[in-house]
Amino acid sequence: MIRLSVITIMLLCGGGFFFEPLFSQGAENPFLRPGGNKPAPPPVVRPAPPPPAPIPRNPNLEFRGYFKFENEWHFAIFDKAKNEGVWLRKGESFDDGKVEIVGFDEKKDEVRLKGGMSLALKTPDNRVMSVPSGQPSKTTKTGARPPSPAAKSIPPPRRR
């Protein structure tokens, strides 16, 4: 006698009816409304935000002015933390070699420093900006002005 297992008998007698739901997961459901089995819309992929601007190594530095003398550019660099400013040429350094001018872009008014940092020309904001000068400052008493000799010689106007 041949012994057949229960599964074999079910398959021979049309038992595929019991196993059909396991294999037909992707088939359309007859009980849904027409068009109810639409594929899901593709997910919206938003672009990554741009990376933040690099933080300069010394945010206290400002580029305050420049001029060209004898075919050589001179740049005014001011350190707000030290309240000190210097005039530098290309290749010269300041602050123990930490600040060195590498290049200058005339169109953008921008100075490139060693290490990849660049400084744009500071706008005056409608106020007087301090720029270092090569001359020593003279100290005078505040409010005390010597009278001018021309002021004493003008007589007051006559009345008629």
N, C-alpha and C. Protein backbone atom coordinates (compact mmCIF):
# COMPACT_ATOMS: atom_id res chain seq x y z
N MET A 1 0.82 -1.19 0.00
CA MET A 1 0.00 0.00 0.00
C MET A 1 0.86 1.25 0.00
N ILE A 2 0.33 2.17 -0.62
CA ILE A 2 1.04 3.44 -0.73
C ILE A 2 0.41 4.40 0.28
N ARG A 3 1.26 4.93 1.07
CA ARG A 3 0.78 5.92 2.03
C ARG A 3 1.04 7.31 1.47
N LEU A 4 0.03 8.09 1.43
CA LEU A 4 0.15 9.45 0.96
C LEU A 4 -0.09 10.40 2.11
N SER A 5 0.66 11.44 2.09
CA SER A 5 0.47 12.41 3.16
C SER A 5 -0.76 13.26 2.87
N VAL A 6 -1.20 13.97 3.86
CA VAL A 6 -2.40 14.80 3.74
C VAL A 6 -2.16 15.92 2.73
N ILE A 7 -0.98 16.48 2.70
CA ILE A 7 -0.69 17.59 1.78
C ILE A 7 -0.70 17.09 0.35
N THR A 8 -0.15 15.91 0.11
CA THR A 8 -0.13 15.35 -1.24
C THR A 8 -1.54 15.11 -1.73
N ILE A 9 -2.40 14.60 -0.87
CA ILE A 9 -3.79 14.32 -1.25
C ILE A 9 -4.51 15.63 -1.56
N MET A 10 -4.27 16.65 -0.76
CA MET A 10 -4.94 17.93 -0.99
C MET A 10 -4.50 18.53 -2.32
N LEU A 11 -3.22 18.40 -2.65
CA LEU A 11 -2.75 18.95 -3.91
C LEU A 11 -3.33 18.18 -5.11
N LEU A 12 -3.49 16.86 -4.99
CA LEU A 12 -4.04 16.05 -6.07
C LEU A 12 -5.53 16.32 -6.25
N CYS A 13 -6.22 16.63 -5.21
CA CYS A 13 -7.66 16.84 -5.28
C CYS A 13 -8.03 18.32 -5.44
N GLY A 14 -7.15 19.11 -5.91
CA GLY A 14 -7.48 20.53 -6.08
C GLY A 14 -7.26 21.32 -4.81
N GLY A 15 -6.30 20.93 -4.05
CA GLY A 15 -6.01 21.62 -2.80
C GLY A 15 -5.27 22.91 -3.01
N GLY A 16 -4.97 23.22 -4.24
CA GLY A 16 -4.32 24.50 -4.50
C GLY A 16 -5.18 25.66 -4.08
N PHE A 17 -6.46 25.42 -3.94
CA PHE A 17 -7.39 26.45 -3.49
C PHE A 17 -7.02 26.96 -2.10
N PHE A 18 -6.51 26.08 -1.25
CA PHE A 18 -6.13 26.47 0.11
C PHE A 18 -4.82 27.27 0.13
N PHE A 19 -3.93 27.01 -0.82
CA PHE A 19 -2.61 27.65 -0.80
C PHE A 19 -2.53 28.87 -1.72
N GLU A 20 -3.57 29.11 -2.49
CA GLU A 20 -3.53 30.21 -3.45
C GLU A 20 -3.33 31.57 -2.79
N PRO A 21 -3.97 31.89 -1.67
CA PRO A 21 -3.75 33.21 -1.08
C PRO A 21 -2.30 33.46 -0.67
N LEU A 22 -1.55 32.41 -0.41
CA LEU A 22 -0.14 32.59 -0.03
C LEU A 22 0.71 33.04 -1.20
N PHE A 23 0.35 32.64 -2.41
CA PHE A 23 1.18 32.92 -3.58
C PHE A 23 0.69 34.10 -4.40
N SER A 24 -0.50 34.58 -4.17
CA SER A 24 -1.06 35.64 -5.01
C SER A 24 -1.19 36.95 -4.23
N GLN A 25 -0.12 37.37 -3.57
CA GLN A 25 -0.15 38.61 -2.79
C GLN A 25 -0.25 39.83 -3.70
N GLY A 26 0.31 39.77 -4.89
CA GLY A 26 0.32 40.92 -5.77
C GLY A 26 -0.93 41.01 -6.65
N ALA A 27 -1.84 40.09 -6.56
CA ALA A 27 -3.03 40.10 -7.41
C ALA A 27 -3.98 41.19 -6.97
N GLU A 28 -4.81 41.65 -7.91
CA GLU A 28 -5.75 42.72 -7.63
C GLU A 28 -6.91 42.19 -6.78
N ASN A 29 -7.33 42.98 -5.81
CA ASN A 29 -8.41 42.58 -4.91
C ASN A 29 -9.75 42.83 -5.62
N PRO A 30 -10.60 41.82 -5.78
CA PRO A 30 -11.87 42.01 -6.49
C PRO A 30 -12.88 42.82 -5.69
N PHE A 31 -12.66 43.02 -4.41
CA PHE A 31 -13.63 43.71 -3.57
C PHE A 31 -13.39 45.22 -3.48
N LEU A 32 -12.28 45.72 -4.07
CA LEU A 32 -12.00 47.16 -4.05
C LEU A 32 -12.75 47.85 -5.17
N ARG A 33 -12.98 49.15 -5.00
CA ARG A 33 -13.59 49.95 -6.05
C ARG A 33 -12.64 50.05 -7.24
N PRO A 34 -13.18 50.36 -8.43
CA PRO A 34 -12.27 50.51 -9.57
C PRO A 34 -11.28 51.66 -9.33
N GLY A 35 -10.04 51.39 -9.57
CA GLY A 35 -8.99 52.39 -9.36
C GLY A 35 -8.55 52.50 -7.91
N GLY A 36 -9.05 51.67 -7.03
CA GLY A 36 -8.70 51.74 -5.60
C GLY A 36 -7.37 51.11 -5.29
N ASN A 37 -6.83 50.38 -6.24
CA ASN A 37 -5.56 49.68 -5.99
C ASN A 37 -4.42 50.40 -6.71
N LYS A 38 -4.42 51.74 -6.66
CA LYS A 38 -3.37 52.53 -7.32
C LYS A 38 -2.07 52.39 -6.55
N PRO A 39 -0.97 52.45 -7.27
CA PRO A 39 0.32 52.41 -6.55
C PRO A 39 0.53 53.70 -5.76
N ALA A 40 1.28 53.59 -4.70
CA ALA A 40 1.55 54.76 -3.85
C ALA A 40 2.38 55.77 -4.63
N PRO A 41 2.12 57.07 -4.45
CA PRO A 41 2.93 58.06 -5.15
C PRO A 41 4.38 58.00 -4.67
N PRO A 42 5.29 58.36 -5.55
CA PRO A 42 6.69 58.32 -5.13
C PRO A 42 6.94 59.34 -4.01
N PRO A 43 7.81 59.01 -3.08
CA PRO A 43 8.07 59.94 -1.98
C PRO A 43 8.75 61.21 -2.49
N VAL A 44 8.42 62.32 -1.87
CA VAL A 44 9.01 63.60 -2.25
C VAL A 44 10.40 63.69 -1.62
N VAL A 45 11.38 63.83 -2.48
CA VAL A 45 12.76 63.92 -2.00
C VAL A 45 13.17 65.38 -2.04
N ARG A 46 13.38 65.95 -0.89
CA ARG A 46 13.80 67.35 -0.81
C ARG A 46 15.32 67.41 -0.83
N PRO A 47 15.87 68.39 -1.55
CA PRO A 47 17.33 68.48 -1.57
C PRO A 47 17.86 68.89 -0.19
N ALA A 48 19.05 68.46 0.07
CA ALA A 48 19.67 68.79 1.35
C ALA A 48 19.94 70.29 1.40
N PRO A 49 19.78 70.92 2.56
CA PRO A 49 20.06 72.36 2.65
C PRO A 49 21.55 72.61 2.42
N PRO A 50 21.87 73.78 1.89
CA PRO A 50 23.29 74.05 1.65
C PRO A 50 24.05 74.11 2.97
N PRO A 51 25.30 73.72 2.93
CA PRO A 51 26.08 73.75 4.17
C PRO A 51 26.28 75.19 4.63
N PRO A 52 26.40 75.41 5.93
CA PRO A 52 26.63 76.78 6.42
C PRO A 52 27.98 77.30 5.95
N ALA A 53 28.07 78.60 5.87
CA ALA A 53 29.32 79.23 5.46
C ALA A 53 30.41 78.91 6.47
N PRO A 54 31.64 78.73 6.00
CA PRO A 54 32.70 78.42 6.94
C PRO A 54 32.94 79.58 7.90
N ILE A 55 33.17 79.22 9.14
CA ILE A 55 33.43 80.23 10.16
C ILE A 55 34.89 80.63 10.08
N PRO A 56 35.16 81.91 9.92
CA PRO A 56 36.57 82.32 9.83
C PRO A 56 37.30 82.04 11.13
N ARG A 57 38.61 81.85 11.00
CA ARG A 57 39.40 81.55 12.20
C ARG A 57 39.43 82.72 13.16
N ASN A 58 39.50 83.93 12.64
CA ASN A 58 39.52 85.11 13.49
C ASN A 58 38.43 86.06 13.00
N PRO A 59 37.22 85.99 13.59
CA PRO A 59 36.14 86.85 13.11
C PRO A 59 36.34 88.32 13.49
N ASN A 60 37.36 88.63 14.23
CA ASN A 60 37.61 90.01 14.65
C ASN A 60 38.38 90.81 13.61
N LEU A 61 38.82 90.18 12.54
CA LEU A 61 39.58 90.89 11.51
C LEU A 61 38.64 91.58 10.54
N GLU A 62 39.02 92.79 10.14
CA GLU A 62 38.25 93.55 9.15
C GLU A 62 39.21 94.09 8.11
N PHE A 63 38.75 94.12 6.87
CA PHE A 63 39.49 94.72 5.76
C PHE A 63 38.89 96.11 5.58
N ARG A 64 39.66 97.15 5.91
CA ARG A 64 39.09 98.51 5.97
C ARG A 64 39.52 99.43 4.83
N GLY A 65 40.51 99.10 4.07
CA GLY A 65 40.89 99.99 3.00
C GLY A 65 42.09 99.48 2.23
N TYR A 66 42.33 100.08 1.06
CA TYR A 66 43.48 99.71 0.26
C TYR A 66 43.85 100.86 -0.66
N PHE A 67 45.12 100.86 -1.10
CA PHE A 67 45.57 101.82 -2.10
C PHE A 67 46.74 101.20 -2.86
N LYS A 68 47.03 101.76 -4.02
CA LYS A 68 48.13 101.27 -4.84
C LYS A 68 49.19 102.37 -4.91
N PHE A 69 50.41 102.03 -4.54
CA PHE A 69 51.52 102.99 -4.55
C PHE A 69 52.71 102.31 -5.21
N GLU A 70 53.25 102.94 -6.25
CA GLU A 70 54.39 102.42 -7.00
C GLU A 70 54.15 100.97 -7.45
N ASN A 71 52.99 100.74 -8.04
CA ASN A 71 52.60 99.43 -8.57
C ASN A 71 52.51 98.33 -7.50
N GLU A 72 52.27 98.69 -6.26
CA GLU A 72 52.15 97.70 -5.19
C GLU A 72 50.94 98.05 -4.33
N TRP A 73 50.10 97.04 -4.07
CA TRP A 73 48.89 97.25 -3.26
C TRP A 73 49.24 97.23 -1.78
N HIS A 74 48.59 98.11 -1.03
CA HIS A 74 48.71 98.17 0.43
C HIS A 74 47.29 98.01 0.99
N PHE A 75 47.15 97.21 2.05
CA PHE A 75 45.84 96.87 2.60
C PHE A 75 45.78 97.19 4.08
N ALA A 76 44.67 97.80 4.52
CA ALA A 76 44.46 98.11 5.94
C ALA A 76 43.67 96.96 6.57
N ILE A 77 44.32 96.25 7.50
CA ILE A 77 43.68 95.15 8.23
C ILE A 77 43.56 95.61 9.68
N PHE A 78 42.36 95.47 10.24
CA PHE A 78 42.10 95.92 11.61
C PHE A 78 41.63 94.74 12.45
N ASP A 79 42.22 94.57 13.63
CA ASP A 79 41.83 93.52 14.57
C ASP A 79 41.00 94.18 15.67
N LYS A 80 39.70 93.90 15.70
CA LYS A 80 38.81 94.53 16.68
C LYS A 80 39.09 94.06 18.10
N ALA A 81 39.55 92.84 18.26
CA ALA A 81 39.81 92.33 19.61
C ALA A 81 40.98 93.06 20.26
N LYS A 82 42.01 93.35 19.48
CA LYS A 82 43.19 94.04 20.01
C LYS A 82 43.11 95.54 19.83
N ASN A 83 42.12 96.02 19.07
CA ASN A 83 41.97 97.44 18.73
C ASN A 83 43.27 97.94 18.08
N GLU A 84 43.73 97.16 17.10
CA GLU A 84 45.00 97.46 16.45
C GLU A 84 44.85 97.23 14.95
N GLY A 85 45.42 98.11 14.18
CA GLY A 85 45.37 97.98 12.74
C GLY A 85 46.73 98.16 12.12
N VAL A 86 46.92 97.55 10.94
CA VAL A 86 48.19 97.65 10.24
C VAL A 86 47.94 97.78 8.75
N TRP A 87 48.93 98.33 8.07
CA TRP A 87 48.94 98.35 6.61
C TRP A 87 49.89 97.25 6.17
N LEU A 88 49.41 96.34 5.32
CA LEU A 88 50.22 95.22 4.85
C LEU A 88 50.26 95.20 3.32
N ARG A 89 51.34 94.63 2.79
CA ARG A 89 51.45 94.37 1.37
C ARG A 89 51.33 92.86 1.15
N LYS A 90 51.18 92.45 -0.08
CA LYS A 90 51.08 91.02 -0.40
C LYS A 90 52.36 90.31 0.06
N GLY A 91 52.18 89.24 0.83
CA GLY A 91 53.31 88.48 1.35
C GLY A 91 53.71 88.86 2.76
N GLU A 92 53.27 90.02 3.25
CA GLU A 92 53.61 90.43 4.62
C GLU A 92 52.63 89.78 5.60
N SER A 93 53.09 89.62 6.84
CA SER A 93 52.24 88.97 7.85
C SER A 93 52.06 89.87 9.06
N PHE A 94 51.06 89.49 9.86
CA PHE A 94 50.65 90.27 11.03
C PHE A 94 50.22 89.27 12.10
N ASP A 95 50.27 89.64 13.34
CA ASP A 95 49.84 88.80 14.46
C ASP A 95 50.68 87.53 14.54
N ASP A 96 52.00 87.71 14.57
CA ASP A 96 52.97 86.61 14.67
C ASP A 96 52.83 85.60 13.53
N GLY A 97 52.55 86.05 12.34
CA GLY A 97 52.46 85.18 11.18
C GLY A 97 51.12 84.49 10.99
N LYS A 98 50.15 84.75 11.86
CA LYS A 98 48.84 84.11 11.73
C LYS A 98 48.04 84.70 10.58
N VAL A 99 48.25 85.98 10.29
CA VAL A 99 47.53 86.67 9.22
C VAL A 99 48.54 87.07 8.15
N GLU A 100 48.40 86.47 6.97
CA GLU A 100 49.29 86.80 5.86
C GLU A 100 48.45 86.98 4.61
N ILE A 101 48.72 88.05 3.87
CA ILE A 101 47.96 88.34 2.66
C ILE A 101 48.55 87.54 1.50
N VAL A 102 47.66 86.77 0.84
CA VAL A 102 48.07 85.92 -0.27
C VAL A 102 47.68 86.53 -1.61
N GLY A 103 46.49 87.13 -1.70
CA GLY A 103 46.03 87.69 -2.97
C GLY A 103 44.98 88.75 -2.77
N PHE A 104 44.63 89.42 -3.88
CA PHE A 104 43.64 90.50 -3.84
C PHE A 104 42.81 90.46 -5.11
N ASP A 105 41.50 90.56 -4.98
CA ASP A 105 40.57 90.61 -6.10
C ASP A 105 40.00 92.02 -6.18
N GLU A 106 40.43 92.79 -7.20
CA GLU A 106 40.01 94.19 -7.34
C GLU A 106 38.52 94.32 -7.61
N LYS A 107 37.97 93.39 -8.40
CA LYS A 107 36.55 93.49 -8.78
C LYS A 107 35.62 93.28 -7.59
N LYS A 108 36.00 92.38 -6.69
CA LYS A 108 35.15 92.10 -5.52
C LYS A 108 35.57 92.89 -4.29
N ASP A 109 36.70 93.61 -4.35
CA ASP A 109 37.28 94.28 -3.18
C ASP A 109 37.44 93.28 -2.04
N GLU A 110 38.18 92.22 -2.33
CA GLU A 110 38.33 91.13 -1.37
C GLU A 110 39.79 90.73 -1.27
N VAL A 111 40.26 90.52 -0.04
CA VAL A 111 41.63 90.10 0.23
C VAL A 111 41.60 88.63 0.65
N ARG A 112 42.47 87.81 0.06
CA ARG A 112 42.59 86.41 0.45
C ARG A 112 43.77 86.27 1.41
N LEU A 113 43.51 85.57 2.51
CA LEU A 113 44.55 85.37 3.52
C LEU A 113 45.04 83.93 3.48
N LYS A 114 46.19 83.70 4.10
CA LYS A 114 46.75 82.36 4.18
C LYS A 114 45.79 81.47 4.96
N GLY A 115 45.56 80.26 4.48
CA GLY A 115 44.66 79.34 5.14
C GLY A 115 43.27 79.32 4.50
N GLY A 116 43.08 80.05 3.39
CA GLY A 116 41.80 80.02 2.68
C GLY A 116 40.78 81.04 3.12
N MET A 117 41.07 81.82 4.13
CA MET A 117 40.11 82.83 4.60
C MET A 117 40.18 84.06 3.70
N SER A 118 39.03 84.71 3.48
CA SER A 118 39.03 85.94 2.70
C SER A 118 38.22 87.00 3.44
N LEU A 119 38.61 88.25 3.24
CA LEU A 119 37.95 89.38 3.88
C LEU A 119 37.46 90.33 2.80
N ALA A 120 36.18 90.72 2.89
CA ALA A 120 35.63 91.70 1.96
C ALA A 120 35.77 93.09 2.58
N LEU A 121 35.84 94.09 1.72
CA LEU A 121 35.99 95.47 2.18
C LEU A 121 34.80 95.88 3.04
N LYS A 122 35.07 96.40 4.21
CA LYS A 122 34.02 96.79 5.15
C LYS A 122 33.39 98.10 4.69
N THR A 123 32.06 98.14 4.73
CA THR A 123 31.36 99.38 4.39
C THR A 123 31.35 100.28 5.61
N PRO A 124 31.36 101.60 5.42
CA PRO A 124 31.52 102.51 6.55
C PRO A 124 30.30 102.66 7.45
N ASP A 125 29.10 102.29 7.06
CA ASP A 125 27.89 102.42 7.88
C ASP A 125 27.66 103.87 8.32
N ASN A 126 28.02 104.84 7.51
CA ASN A 126 27.82 106.27 7.76
C ASN A 126 28.45 106.74 9.08
N ARG A 127 29.60 106.22 9.37
CA ARG A 127 30.33 106.69 10.55
C ARG A 127 31.81 106.67 10.23
N VAL A 128 32.57 107.38 11.02
CA VAL A 128 34.01 107.47 10.80
C VAL A 128 34.65 106.19 11.30
N MET A 129 35.50 105.62 10.45
CA MET A 129 36.19 104.38 10.83
C MET A 129 37.65 104.69 11.10
N SER A 130 38.21 104.04 12.08
CA SER A 130 39.62 104.26 12.37
C SER A 130 40.47 103.42 11.44
N VAL A 131 41.46 104.06 10.85
CA VAL A 131 42.41 103.39 9.97
C VAL A 131 43.78 103.74 10.51
N PRO A 132 44.67 102.77 10.64
CA PRO A 132 45.98 103.06 11.21
C PRO A 132 46.78 103.99 10.31
N SER A 133 47.53 104.87 10.93
CA SER A 133 48.40 105.77 10.18
C SER A 133 49.82 105.58 10.66
N GLY A 134 50.75 105.99 9.85
CA GLY A 134 52.15 105.83 10.20
C GLY A 134 52.68 106.97 11.04
N GLN A 135 51.86 107.98 11.34
CA GLN A 135 52.33 109.14 12.08
C GLN A 135 51.91 109.03 13.54
N PRO A 136 52.78 109.47 14.45
CA PRO A 136 52.40 109.44 15.86
C PRO A 136 51.30 110.45 16.14
N SER A 137 50.43 110.09 17.05
CA SER A 137 49.32 110.99 17.37
C SER A 137 49.78 112.04 18.38
N LYS A 138 49.28 113.27 18.20
CA LYS A 138 49.62 114.36 19.11
C LYS A 138 48.48 114.48 20.12
N THR A 139 48.84 114.61 21.36
CA THR A 139 47.82 114.76 22.40
C THR A 139 47.62 116.24 22.68
N THR A 140 46.36 116.65 22.69
CA THR A 140 46.02 118.05 23.00
C THR A 140 44.95 118.04 24.06
N LYS A 141 44.83 119.17 24.74
CA LYS A 141 43.77 119.29 25.74
C LYS A 141 42.44 119.39 25.02
N THR A 142 41.44 118.71 25.53
CA THR A 142 40.14 118.74 24.89
C THR A 142 39.46 120.08 25.18
N GLY A 143 38.93 120.68 24.17
CA GLY A 143 38.19 121.93 24.33
C GLY A 143 39.07 123.17 24.31
N ALA A 144 40.36 123.05 24.39
CA ALA A 144 41.23 124.22 24.43
C ALA A 144 41.81 124.45 23.05
N ARG A 145 41.42 125.56 22.44
CA ARG A 145 41.95 125.94 21.13
C ARG A 145 42.62 127.30 21.27
N PRO A 146 43.73 127.46 20.63
CA PRO A 146 44.35 128.79 20.66
C PRO A 146 43.52 129.73 19.78
N PRO A 147 43.29 130.95 20.22
CA PRO A 147 42.52 131.89 19.40
C PRO A 147 43.29 132.26 18.15
N SER A 148 42.57 132.41 17.06
CA SER A 148 43.24 132.78 15.81
C SER A 148 43.44 134.30 15.80
N PRO A 149 44.54 134.76 15.25
CA PRO A 149 44.80 136.21 15.22
C PRO A 149 43.82 136.94 14.30
N ALA A 150 43.30 136.30 13.30
CA ALA A 150 42.36 136.96 12.38
C ALA A 150 41.04 137.26 13.07
N ALA A 151 40.66 136.48 14.03
CA ALA A 151 39.38 136.68 14.72
C ALA A 151 39.41 137.95 15.57
N LYS A 152 40.54 138.35 16.07
CA LYS A 152 40.64 139.53 16.92
C LYS A 152 40.65 140.82 16.11
N SER A 153 41.10 140.77 14.86
CA SER A 153 41.26 142.00 14.10
C SER A 153 39.99 142.43 13.36
N ILE A 154 38.95 141.63 13.35
CA ILE A 154 37.71 142.01 12.64
C ILE A 154 36.83 142.78 13.61
N PRO A 155 36.53 144.03 13.28
CA PRO A 155 35.68 144.83 14.17
C PRO A 155 34.21 144.42 14.00
N PRO A 156 33.38 144.69 15.00
CA PRO A 156 31.97 144.37 14.89
C PRO A 156 31.29 145.27 13.86
N PRO A 157 30.18 144.87 13.27
CA PRO A 157 29.51 145.70 12.27
C PRO A 157 28.90 146.95 12.91
N ARG A 158 28.88 148.07 12.16
CA ARG A 158 28.32 149.33 12.65
C ARG A 158 26.83 149.35 12.38
N ARG A 159 26.13 150.02 13.24
CA ARG A 159 24.70 150.20 13.04
C ARG A 159 24.44 151.63 12.64
N ARG A 160 23.54 151.87 11.80
CA ARG A 160 23.25 153.23 11.37
C ARG A 160 21.98 153.72 11.93
